[in-house]
Protein backbone atom coordinates (compact mmCIF):
# COMPACT_ATOMS: atom_id res chain seq x y z
CA MET A 1 -11.79 -3.72 -11.03
CA GLN A 2 -9.02 -5.83 -9.37
CA VAL A 3 -5.49 -4.92 -8.56
CA LYS A 4 -2.76 -7.36 -7.15
CA VAL A 5 -1.16 -6.22 -4.02
CA GLN A 6 2.32 -7.56 -2.87
CA TYR A 7 3.51 -7.12 0.55
CA LEU A 8 7.51 -7.15 1.23
CA GLY A 9 9.24 -6.70 4.61
CA LEU A 10 7.47 -5.60 7.55
CA ILE A 11 4.12 -5.29 6.24
CA ARG A 12 4.26 -8.79 5.03
CA SER A 13 4.51 -10.05 8.75
CA LYS A 14 1.58 -7.75 9.54
CA THR A 15 -0.83 -8.94 6.90
CA GLU A 16 0.56 -12.60 6.99
CA LYS A 17 0.34 -12.53 3.22
CA LYS A 18 2.87 -12.44 0.57
CA SER A 19 0.28 -11.11 -2.04
CA GLU A 20 -3.56 -10.91 -2.49
CA LYS A 21 -6.01 -9.47 -5.16
CA VAL A 22 -8.08 -6.52 -4.06
CA ASP A 23 -11.45 -5.36 -5.71
CA LEU A 24 -11.82 -1.71 -6.00
CA ARG A 25 -14.23 0.51 -7.72
CA GLU A 26 -13.49 1.88 -11.15
CA GLY A 27 -11.30 4.87 -11.16
CA ALA A 28 -10.03 4.17 -7.59
CA LEU A 29 -6.88 6.05 -6.51
CA LEU A 30 -3.88 4.53 -4.59
CA SER A 31 -5.22 6.28 -1.64
CA ASP A 32 -8.33 4.29 -1.70
CA LEU A 33 -6.53 1.26 -1.80
CA LEU A 34 -4.59 2.30 1.20
CA ASN A 35 -7.76 3.13 3.01
CA LYS A 36 -9.28 -0.23 2.14
CA LEU A 37 -6.23 -2.14 3.45
CA VAL A 38 -6.43 -0.30 6.75
CA GLU A 39 -10.13 -1.26 7.01
CA VAL A 40 -9.04 -5.07 6.54
CA TYR A 41 -5.93 -5.09 8.59
CA GLY A 42 -6.63 -2.17 11.10
CA GLU A 43 -4.04 -0.47 13.25
CA ALA A 44 -1.32 -3.27 12.30
CA ILE A 45 -0.78 -1.39 9.21
CA LYS A 46 -2.19 1.98 9.54
CA ASN A 47 0.80 3.12 11.67
CA LEU A 48 2.99 1.89 8.77
CA PHE A 49 1.21 4.01 6.15
CA ALA A 50 0.66 7.27 7.92
CA ASP A 51 2.81 10.23 8.72
CA GLU A 52 0.15 11.88 11.03
CA SER A 53 1.86 15.32 11.03
CA GLN A 54 1.50 15.71 7.27
CA ASN A 55 -1.24 13.36 6.42
CA ILE A 56 1.11 11.42 3.83
CA LEU A 57 2.73 8.20 3.57
CA ASP A 58 5.43 7.77 6.19
CA PRO A 59 8.76 8.42 4.58
CA ASN A 60 10.06 4.99 5.74
CA PHE A 61 7.37 3.18 3.63
CA ILE A 62 7.53 2.62 -0.18
CA VAL A 63 4.54 2.08 -2.49
CA THR A 64 5.06 1.13 -6.16
CA VAL A 65 2.43 0.64 -8.86
CA ASN A 66 3.76 -1.41 -11.69
CA GLY A 67 7.31 -0.93 -10.31
CA LYS A 68 7.17 2.94 -10.17
CA SER A 69 6.97 5.04 -7.02
CA LEU A 70 3.91 7.12 -7.65
CA PRO A 71 1.94 9.70 -5.41
CA THR A 72 -1.21 8.51 -3.55
CA ASP A 73 -3.59 10.47 -5.95
CA THR A 74 -2.41 8.06 -8.59
CA LYS A 75 -5.58 6.31 -10.44
CA LEU A 76 -5.40 2.73 -10.52
CA LYS A 77 -6.17 0.48 -13.50
CA GLU A 78 -7.48 -3.29 -13.73
CA GLY A 79 -4.60 -5.44 -13.34
CA ASP A 80 -2.08 -3.11 -11.69
CA THR A 81 0.26 -4.42 -9.38
CA VAL A 82 0.89 -2.46 -6.15
CA SER A 83 3.74 -3.41 -3.85
CA PHE A 84 4.28 -2.24 -0.40
CA MET A 85 7.50 -2.32 1.48
CA THR A 86 9.35 -0.69 4.39
CA VAL A 87 12.72 0.94 3.93
CA ILE A 88 15.58 -1.16 5.72
CA SER A 89 18.59 0.66 6.90
CA GLY A 90 21.46 -0.19 9.10
CA GLY A 91 24.94 0.65 10.05
């Protein structure tokens, strides 16, 4: 199956892409997509994804599937759009 992946903010500069289509096995989870992207882009994005202390997504990082924030055990479907972005704050 194929999903569309959009990169916004800091992750766009790390991947040097606005978006791409990614092939995954049927029934793949969002976490499978994260692992595949780490395989492709390596440490450049791994550090953005991981909160090593709790083995979850870094709380400063947002992932949406079709516009909704969902957990990493969400099952993806053909044609889903997954967006990755970092939280921006300032003062």
